[in-house]
Amino acid sequence: QLQTFVSLSIYMDYNATTPLEPEVIQAISEALQDAWGNPSSNYTADVTFVPVSKVTARVEVDDVIAAVRPNTCLISVMLANNETGVIMPVREICQRIKSLNKRRERLRILLHTDAAQALGKIRVDASELGVDYLTVVGHKFYAPRIGALYVNGPGTKTPLHPMLFGGGQERNFRPGTENTPMIAGLGKAAELVTSHLSGYESRMQYTRLYLEERLRAVFKDKIQFNSHYPGSDILPNTCNVSILGPTLQGWRVLSNCRRLLASVGAACHSDSGNRPSHILLSCGVPSEVAANALRLSVGRKTTEEDVDAVVEDLRETVKLLEEMN
């Protein structure tokens, strides 16, 4: 009786689920036999990390070119480092790769730069750089905590595929209702940078140079700047400095400062605890110096009075820690 009932049933719930086609069952069976490896394992996609120079603290163009393999499909380089402020030679890398692309009988190598730390501090023009992709992060240049991705000809000249699927928003590249207020805020911040960058840049550079001058005057030979490298340009607002001494680790100095709010490195690497920054170590900074690093980054409205107060705060804190020792 049960067999008769099943054979007479008519399934009309295909929106809930569908049966598998015979060809699909075959494909699954073949994958279970032949593609049983972990798709998240590193061997499914080769990634080559190019170290920075211990002299210039930037990735060198020749080193990037030397790392290119026959199967290289993407090169990603940050435009400016978030701890040292060193600006990377992204434009020169793009020029060399584009020349290489013309000689390659294969799909071109795509170029991406993370411009998060550079926007609002130095001139950033995606066309001048020659990149295919450029990452924008709002909260680094007085915009809300929202991001954007520049793509040179999305889906036509440059490949772009959605990571999420659903609605057709943002030209089918990213589903979900757009966050209009945050988008408007990002647009306004970008507009302000376009109109006032020269003033922002010169003001921050003046303030950062004044900060370095005051630090030298107060601490003399007890400091080392970890953002000064021969042949490398740096962001106008970034001063990475170590106050030398066995009890003057960056985290200890900051935790005892009364007024200064700063960091010892990038927030995205805060899980490293009190260990020296791997970024500074890779730039050739000795471990005992890197452990004492402070990342001091001034803003558009940082004043000389602010700098004076911070340097005095540091002077008092260092004196306290040395006396405690």
Protein backbone atom coordinates (compact mmCIF):
# COMPACT_ATOMS: atom_id res chain seq x y z
CA GLN A 1 0.00 0.00 0.00
CA LEU A 2 2.82 2.39 0.88
CA GLN A 3 4.53 1.72 -2.44
CA THR A 4 1.31 2.51 -4.31
CA PHE A 5 0.88 5.76 -2.38
CA VAL A 6 4.44 7.00 -3.13
CA SER A 7 4.19 6.25 -6.83
CA LEU A 8 0.92 8.22 -7.04
CA SER A 9 2.27 11.26 -5.20
CA ILE A 10 2.90 14.45 -7.15
CA TYR A 11 5.61 16.69 -5.71
CA MET A 12 4.78 20.40 -5.92
CA ASP A 13 7.22 21.97 -3.46
CA TYR A 14 10.16 22.71 -5.71
CA ASN A 15 10.62 26.13 -4.09
CA ALA A 16 11.49 24.30 -0.91
CA THR A 17 14.00 21.93 -2.49
CA THR A 18 14.67 20.04 -5.68
CA PRO A 19 16.04 16.60 -6.43
CA LEU A 20 19.53 16.19 -7.87
CA GLU A 21 19.97 15.73 -11.60
CA PRO A 22 21.88 12.57 -12.53
CA GLU A 23 24.76 14.68 -13.92
CA VAL A 24 24.97 16.54 -10.59
CA ILE A 25 25.14 13.29 -8.66
CA GLN A 26 27.98 12.20 -10.95
CA ALA A 27 29.89 15.47 -10.41
CA ILE A 28 29.55 15.12 -6.64
CA SER A 29 30.80 11.55 -6.77
CA GLU A 30 33.83 12.57 -8.83
CA ALA A 31 34.65 15.42 -6.46
CA LEU A 32 34.47 13.08 -3.47
CA GLN A 33 36.99 10.83 -5.21
CA ASP A 34 39.35 13.38 -6.81
CA ALA A 35 38.98 16.71 -4.95
CA TRP A 36 39.04 15.50 -1.37
CA GLY A 37 41.67 18.01 -0.18
CA ASN A 38 40.84 20.92 2.13
CA PRO A 39 39.97 23.86 -0.17
CA SER A 40 41.11 26.31 2.54
CA SER A 41 44.62 24.89 2.68
CA ASN A 42 47.42 27.13 1.45
CA TYR A 43 48.37 24.89 -1.43
CA THR A 44 45.19 25.75 -3.29
CA ALA A 45 46.47 29.27 -3.91
CA ASP A 46 50.11 30.31 -3.80
CA VAL A 47 50.85 33.57 -2.02
CA THR A 48 54.31 35.14 -2.16
CA PHE A 49 55.20 37.70 0.50
CA VAL A 50 57.87 40.19 -0.54
CA PRO A 51 59.78 41.66 2.43
CA VAL A 52 60.58 45.34 2.73
CA SER A 53 64.13 46.62 2.50
CA LYS A 54 65.89 46.99 5.83
CA VAL A 55 67.50 50.15 4.42
CA THR A 56 64.48 52.00 2.96
CA ALA A 57 61.66 50.22 4.88
CA ARG A 58 59.70 49.97 1.64
CA VAL A 59 59.13 47.13 -0.78
CA GLU A 60 61.52 47.56 -3.69
CA VAL A 61 60.27 47.40 -7.27
CA ASP A 62 62.94 44.95 -8.40
CA ASP A 63 62.07 42.59 -5.55
CA VAL A 64 58.41 42.58 -6.58
CA ILE A 65 59.29 41.88 -10.21
CA ALA A 66 61.65 39.10 -9.17
CA ALA A 67 58.84 37.45 -7.19
CA VAL A 68 56.48 37.26 -10.20
CA ARG A 69 55.74 33.67 -11.24
CA PRO A 70 54.18 32.30 -14.42
CA ASN A 71 50.90 31.86 -12.52
CA THR A 72 50.91 35.25 -10.75
CA CYS A 73 47.51 36.88 -11.18
CA LEU A 74 47.40 39.66 -8.55
CA ILE A 75 49.86 41.96 -6.81
CA SER A 76 48.70 43.86 -3.72
CA VAL A 77 50.80 46.57 -2.06
CA MET A 78 49.77 49.06 0.61
CA LEU A 79 50.25 52.65 -0.51
CA ALA A 80 51.58 53.83 2.86
CA ASN A 81 52.51 51.82 5.91
CA ASN A 82 50.33 52.45 8.94
CA GLU A 83 53.15 52.29 11.51
CA THR A 84 56.20 53.84 9.85
CA GLY A 85 54.34 56.10 7.42
CA VAL A 86 56.67 55.01 4.62
CA ILE A 87 55.13 55.49 1.16
CA MET A 88 55.50 52.51 -1.17
CA PRO A 89 56.51 52.83 -4.85
CA VAL A 90 53.12 51.68 -6.12
CA ARG A 91 53.20 53.75 -9.31
CA GLU A 92 56.61 52.37 -10.32
CA ILE A 93 55.49 48.81 -9.58
CA CYS A 94 52.40 49.31 -11.75
CA GLN A 95 54.49 50.67 -14.62
CA ARG A 96 56.84 47.69 -14.54
CA ILE A 97 54.02 45.17 -14.28
CA LYS A 98 52.11 46.73 -17.16
CA SER A 99 55.23 46.48 -19.32
CA LEU A 100 55.51 42.85 -18.25
CA ASN A 101 51.85 42.24 -19.07
CA LYS A 102 52.40 43.34 -22.67
CA ARG A 103 54.98 40.59 -23.13
CA ARG A 104 53.02 37.84 -21.44
CA GLU A 105 50.91 35.44 -23.48
CA ARG A 106 48.38 34.96 -20.70
CA LEU A 107 45.85 36.87 -18.60
CA ARG A 108 47.30 40.08 -17.21
CA ILE A 109 48.51 40.55 -13.65
CA LEU A 110 46.04 42.71 -11.75
CA LEU A 111 47.23 45.42 -9.35
CA HIS A 112 45.68 46.41 -6.03
CA THR A 113 46.70 48.99 -3.44
CA ASP A 114 45.33 49.60 0.03
CA ALA A 115 45.20 53.39 0.24
CA ALA A 116 43.65 53.51 3.72
CA GLN A 117 46.49 55.40 5.39
CA ALA A 118 47.31 57.65 2.44
CA LEU A 119 43.93 59.20 1.66
CA GLY A 120 43.52 62.64 3.19
CA LYS A 121 47.26 62.97 3.82
CA ILE A 122 48.89 62.83 0.39
CA ARG A 123 47.61 63.03 -3.17
CA VAL A 124 46.02 59.77 -4.26
CA ASP A 125 44.94 59.39 -7.89
CA ALA A 126 44.05 55.87 -8.98
CA SER A 127 44.63 56.71 -12.64
CA GLU A 128 48.07 58.16 -11.97
CA LEU A 129 49.04 55.17 -9.85
CA GLY A 130 47.86 52.79 -12.57
CA VAL A 131 46.12 50.35 -10.24
CA ASP A 132 43.17 48.15 -11.10
CA TYR A 133 41.81 48.20 -7.55
CA LEU A 134 42.15 50.71 -4.71
CA THR A 135 40.78 50.31 -1.18
CA VAL A 136 39.26 53.31 0.60
CA VAL A 137 38.64 53.38 4.36
CA GLY A 138 36.55 56.25 5.66
CA HIS A 139 37.57 56.48 9.31
CA LYS A 140 41.17 57.25 8.34
CA PHE A 141 40.25 60.60 6.77
CA TYR A 142 37.50 62.07 8.94
CA ALA A 143 34.68 60.03 7.40
CA PRO A 144 32.45 57.39 9.04
CA ARG A 145 33.62 53.83 9.53
CA ILE A 146 32.70 52.69 6.05
CA GLY A 147 34.78 51.51 3.11
CA ALA A 148 34.78 51.56 -0.65
CA LEU A 149 36.59 49.78 -3.44
CA TYR A 150 37.70 51.60 -6.58
CA VAL A 151 37.73 49.33 -9.61
CA ASN A 152 39.00 50.44 -13.01
CA GLY A 153 36.12 49.37 -15.25
CA PRO A 154 34.31 46.96 -12.92
CA GLY A 155 33.21 43.78 -14.63
CA THR A 156 34.37 44.95 -18.06
CA LYS A 157 37.96 46.15 -18.15
CA THR A 158 38.75 44.69 -14.72
CA PRO A 159 37.17 41.53 -13.28
CA LEU A 160 34.92 41.96 -10.26
CA HIS A 161 32.72 39.25 -8.80
CA PRO A 162 30.28 39.45 -5.87
CA MET A 163 31.13 37.69 -2.64
CA LEU A 164 27.53 37.83 -1.44
CA PHE A 165 24.37 37.11 -3.38
CA GLY A 166 20.81 38.31 -3.04
CA GLY A 167 19.40 41.62 -4.20
CA GLY A 168 20.67 43.50 -7.22
CA GLN A 169 21.96 46.55 -5.39
CA GLU A 170 25.22 48.23 -6.40
CA ARG A 171 24.99 46.93 -9.96
CA ASN A 172 24.70 43.35 -8.67
CA PHE A 173 28.17 43.51 -7.12
CA ARG A 174 27.07 43.80 -3.49
CA PRO A 175 23.55 42.93 -2.32
CA GLY A 176 21.88 44.69 0.58
CA THR A 177 20.19 48.04 1.08
CA GLU A 178 22.73 50.84 0.74
CA ASN A 179 23.67 52.70 3.93
CA THR A 180 22.81 56.13 2.53
CA PRO A 181 23.93 58.33 5.47
CA MET A 182 27.33 56.66 5.72
CA ILE A 183 27.81 56.78 1.94
CA ALA A 184 26.95 60.48 1.98
CA GLY A 185 29.45 61.03 4.78
CA LEU A 186 32.19 59.24 2.88
CA GLY A 187 31.44 61.28 -0.23
CA LYS A 188 31.55 64.55 1.68
CA ALA A 189 34.87 63.63 3.32
CA ALA A 190 36.32 62.81 -0.09
CA GLU A 191 35.04 66.11 -1.44
CA LEU A 192 36.74 67.98 1.42
CA VAL A 193 40.02 66.22 0.73
CA THR A 194 39.79 67.09 -2.96
CA SER A 195 39.26 70.76 -2.11
CA HIS A 196 41.64 71.19 0.82
CA LEU A 197 44.36 68.53 0.57
CA SER A 198 47.21 70.98 0.13
CA GLY A 199 46.32 72.78 3.34
CA TYR A 200 45.73 69.57 5.26
CA GLU A 201 49.04 68.12 4.13
CA SER A 202 51.17 71.19 4.83
CA ARG A 203 49.57 71.73 8.24
CA MET A 204 50.10 68.14 9.36
CA GLN A 205 53.69 68.13 8.10
CA TYR A 206 54.47 71.36 9.96
CA THR A 207 53.02 69.92 13.17
CA ARG A 208 54.82 66.60 12.81
CA LEU A 209 58.15 68.34 12.21
CA TYR A 210 57.54 70.52 15.26
CA LEU A 211 56.80 67.37 17.28
CA GLU A 212 60.06 65.77 16.18
CA GLU A 213 61.96 68.98 16.96
CA ARG A 214 60.55 69.10 20.49
CA LEU A 215 61.27 65.42 21.09
CA ARG A 216 64.91 65.95 20.04
CA ALA A 217 65.21 68.99 22.28
CA VAL A 218 63.87 67.18 25.34
CA PHE A 219 65.25 63.66 24.95
CA LYS A 220 68.35 64.40 22.87
CA ASP A 221 70.26 61.16 22.17
CA LYS A 222 67.71 59.03 24.06
CA ILE A 223 65.37 58.80 21.09
CA GLN A 224 65.37 56.99 17.78
CA PHE A 225 62.95 57.78 14.97
CA ASN A 226 61.63 54.60 13.36
CA SER A 227 59.99 56.49 10.49
CA HIS A 228 63.14 58.00 8.95
CA TYR A 229 64.74 55.94 6.18
CA PRO A 230 67.13 57.08 3.44
CA GLY A 231 65.46 57.47 0.06
CA SER A 232 61.92 56.97 1.37
CA ASP A 233 59.13 59.52 1.66
CA ILE A 234 56.76 59.30 4.60
CA LEU A 235 53.26 60.49 5.41
CA PRO A 236 53.16 64.10 6.60
CA ASN A 237 51.55 63.24 9.94
CA THR A 238 53.30 60.08 11.15
CA CYS A 239 56.09 59.96 13.73
CA ASN A 240 57.19 56.55 14.99
CA VAL A 241 59.69 57.07 17.79
CA SER A 242 61.36 55.03 20.51
CA ILE A 243 62.54 56.54 23.78
CA LEU A 244 65.53 54.41 24.66
CA GLY A 245 65.81 52.75 28.05
CA PRO A 246 65.30 49.31 29.65
CA THR A 247 62.02 50.30 31.38
CA LEU A 248 60.58 52.48 28.62
CA GLN A 249 58.61 49.95 26.58
CA GLY A 250 55.93 51.69 24.54
CA TRP A 251 52.98 50.10 26.33
CA ARG A 252 54.46 51.02 29.72
CA VAL A 253 55.07 54.63 28.75
CA LEU A 254 51.56 55.08 27.34
CA SER A 255 49.86 53.45 30.31
CA ASN A 256 51.55 55.98 32.61
CA CYS A 257 50.96 59.09 30.52
CA ARG A 258 48.33 61.41 31.95
CA ARG A 259 47.33 63.20 28.75
CA LEU A 260 48.76 61.43 25.71
CA LEU A 261 46.46 59.01 23.89
CA ALA A 262 48.43 57.13 21.24
CA SER A 263 49.35 53.59 20.29
CA VAL A 264 52.41 51.42 19.98
CA GLY A 265 51.36 50.26 16.51
CA ALA A 266 48.47 49.36 14.27
CA ALA A 267 45.14 48.52 15.91
CA CYS A 268 44.73 45.62 13.48
CA HIS A 269 47.80 44.01 15.09
CA SER A 270 46.77 44.65 18.70
CA ASP A 271 46.49 40.90 19.36
CA SER A 272 50.30 40.73 19.40
CA GLY A 273 50.24 41.88 23.04
CA ASN A 274 53.38 43.62 24.26
CA ARG A 275 55.70 42.06 21.72
CA PRO A 276 57.72 44.37 19.45
CA SER A 277 56.04 45.30 16.20
CA HIS A 278 56.82 42.80 13.45
CA ILE A 279 56.63 45.71 11.02
CA LEU A 280 59.48 47.55 12.72
CA LEU A 281 61.49 44.35 13.07
CA SER A 282 61.10 43.70 9.34
CA CYS A 283 62.42 47.22 8.69
CA GLY A 284 65.63 46.41 10.55
CA VAL A 285 64.77 48.09 13.85
CA PRO A 286 66.47 46.21 16.73
CA SER A 287 64.10 44.33 19.02
CA GLU A 288 64.89 46.38 22.13
CA VAL A 289 64.26 49.60 20.18
CA ALA A 290 61.07 48.33 18.53
CA ALA A 291 59.71 47.33 21.96
CA ASN A 292 59.87 51.00 23.02
CA ALA A 293 58.12 52.34 19.93
CA LEU A 294 55.35 54.91 20.08
CA ARG A 295 53.28 55.73 17.01
CA LEU A 296 52.41 59.41 17.24
CA SER A 297 50.19 60.59 14.41
CA VAL A 298 48.98 64.18 14.31
CA GLY A 299 45.71 65.36 12.82
CA ARG A 300 44.43 68.35 10.92
CA LYS A 301 43.70 70.32 14.09
CA THR A 302 46.65 69.29 16.26
CA THR A 303 48.27 72.47 17.56
CA GLU A 304 51.73 73.41 18.78
CA GLU A 305 50.23 73.69 22.26
CA ASP A 306 49.06 70.09 21.95
CA VAL A 307 52.55 69.03 20.96
CA ASP A 308 54.13 70.90 23.87
CA ALA A 309 51.73 69.27 26.31
CA VAL A 310 52.39 65.78 24.88
CA VAL A 311 56.17 66.16 25.01
CA GLU A 312 55.97 67.40 28.60
CA ASP A 313 53.72 64.45 29.46
CA LEU A 314 56.27 62.09 27.95
CA ARG A 315 59.13 63.81 29.79
CA GLU A 316 57.39 63.44 33.15
CA THR A 317 56.41 59.83 32.44
CA VAL A 318 59.93 58.82 31.42
CA LYS A 319 61.35 60.48 34.53
CA LEU A 320 58.83 58.60 36.69
CA LEU A 321 59.58 55.23 35.13
CA GLU A 322 63.32 55.70 35.38
CA GLU A 323 63.06 56.72 39.05
CA MET A 324 60.86 53.69 39.77
CA ASN A 325 63.53 51.49 38.24
